[in-house]
């Protein structure tokens, strides 16, 4: 497999992993937040809710840089693959 195709696949994989990590962490954090509210016997204070929400926002904050690295890797792979392909086509035409 072409090395640039591998970079595209790795980049796409990082994008998906960053997205899934961020979304999954948010969902788990919100579930935890609402469980904490339920365990307080219906006494929902803003502090309890804010604590859970702040914890659930950590995962997207970690997932976004992973996805951005994947995006840059994918763009690099696509650009190099297309430029390499154009060079090969130009060499075939020149011959």
Protein backbone atom coordinates (compact mmCIF):
# COMPACT_ATOMS: atom_id res chain seq x y z
CA UNK A 1 0.00 0.00 0.00
CA UNK A 2 1.23 3.48 -0.85
CA UNK A 3 2.74 5.32 2.14
CA UNK A 4 0.52 8.34 1.49
CA UNK A 5 -2.61 6.18 1.50
CA UNK A 6 -1.51 4.86 4.91
CA UNK A 7 -1.17 8.44 6.18
CA UNK A 8 -4.69 9.19 4.94
CA UNK A 9 -6.06 6.10 6.69
CA UNK A 10 -4.18 6.86 9.92
CA UNK A 11 -5.38 10.45 9.84
CA UNK A 12 -8.98 9.39 9.29
CA UNK A 13 -8.67 6.90 12.14
CA UNK A 14 -7.37 9.61 14.49
CA UNK A 15 -10.25 11.89 13.51
CA UNK A 16 -12.79 9.18 14.30
CA UNK A 17 -11.07 8.22 17.57
CA UNK A 18 -10.93 11.83 18.72
CA UNK A 19 -14.60 12.30 17.92
CA UNK A 20 -15.70 9.07 19.60
CA UNK A 21 -13.53 9.75 22.66
CA UNK A 22 -14.97 13.25 23.04
CA UNK A 23 -18.57 12.22 22.48
CA UNK A 24 -18.31 9.13 24.67
CA UNK A 25 -16.70 11.09 27.47
CA UNK A 26 -19.39 13.75 27.28
CA UNK A 27 -22.14 11.16 27.45
CA UNK A 28 -20.53 9.36 30.39
CA UNK A 29 -19.93 12.66 32.18
CA UNK A 30 -23.54 13.74 31.74
CA UNK A 31 -24.80 10.36 32.96
CA UNK A 32 -22.57 10.74 36.00
CA UNK A 33 -23.83 14.28 36.57
CA UNK A 34 -27.47 13.24 36.49
CA UNK A 35 -26.74 10.21 38.68
CA UNK A 36 -25.22 12.55 41.25
CA UNK A 37 -28.32 14.72 41.09
CA UNK A 38 -30.57 11.69 41.51
CA UNK A 39 -28.58 10.41 44.48
CA UNK A 40 -29.16 13.69 46.33
CA UNK A 41 -32.88 12.79 46.57
CA UNK A 42 -34.09 15.36 44.09
CA UNK A 43 -32.20 18.28 45.58
CA UNK A 44 -30.54 19.60 42.45
CA UNK A 45 -28.12 22.39 43.15
CA UNK A 46 -26.28 24.22 40.41
CA UNK A 47 -22.98 23.16 41.99
CA UNK A 48 -23.77 19.46 41.57
CA UNK A 49 -24.78 19.93 37.96
CA UNK A 50 -21.84 22.23 37.17
CA UNK A 51 -19.35 19.75 38.61
CA UNK A 52 -20.62 16.96 36.36
CA UNK A 53 -20.74 19.17 33.31
CA UNK A 54 -17.21 20.45 33.88
CA UNK A 55 -15.98 16.86 34.19
CA UNK A 56 -17.78 15.88 30.99
CA UNK A 57 -16.09 18.69 29.05
CA UNK A 58 -12.61 17.32 29.73
CA UNK A 59 -13.04 14.51 27.19
CA UNK A 60 -13.91 16.71 24.20
CA UNK A 61 -11.04 18.99 25.17
CA UNK A 62 -8.72 15.98 24.85
CA UNK A 63 -10.44 14.56 21.77
CA UNK A 64 -10.28 17.75 19.70
CA UNK A 65 -6.45 17.90 19.50
CA UNK A 66 -6.35 14.21 18.54
CA UNK A 67 -8.86 14.84 15.77
CA UNK A 68 -6.94 17.91 14.58
CA UNK A 69 -3.70 15.93 14.38
CA UNK A 70 -5.58 13.33 12.35
CA UNK A 71 -7.02 16.01 10.09
CA UNK A 72 -3.59 17.51 9.39
CA UNK A 73 -2.15 14.05 8.77
CA UNK A 74 -4.97 13.23 6.38
CA UNK A 75 -4.62 16.52 4.48
CA UNK A 76 -0.86 15.97 4.22
CA UNK A 77 -1.38 12.45 2.90
CA UNK A 78 -3.96 13.55 0.34
CA UNK A 79 -1.78 16.42 -0.87
CA UNK A 80 1.32 14.24 -1.21
CA UNK A 81 -0.62 11.41 -2.86
CA UNK A 82 -2.14 13.72 -5.45
CA UNK A 83 1.12 15.53 -6.19
CA UNK A 84 2.97 12.21 -6.50
CA UNK A 85 0.26 10.89 -8.81
CA UNK A 86 0.49 14.03 -10.97
CA UNK A 87 4.27 13.58 -11.28
CA UNK A 88 3.79 9.95 -12.36
CA UNK A 89 1.18 10.97 -14.93
CA UNK A 90 3.44 13.72 -16.27
CA UNK A 91 6.31 11.23 -16.64
CA UNK A 92 4.04 8.83 -18.56
CA UNK A 93 2.91 11.60 -20.88
CA UNK A 94 6.49 12.79 -21.45
CA UNK A 95 7.65 9.33 -22.49
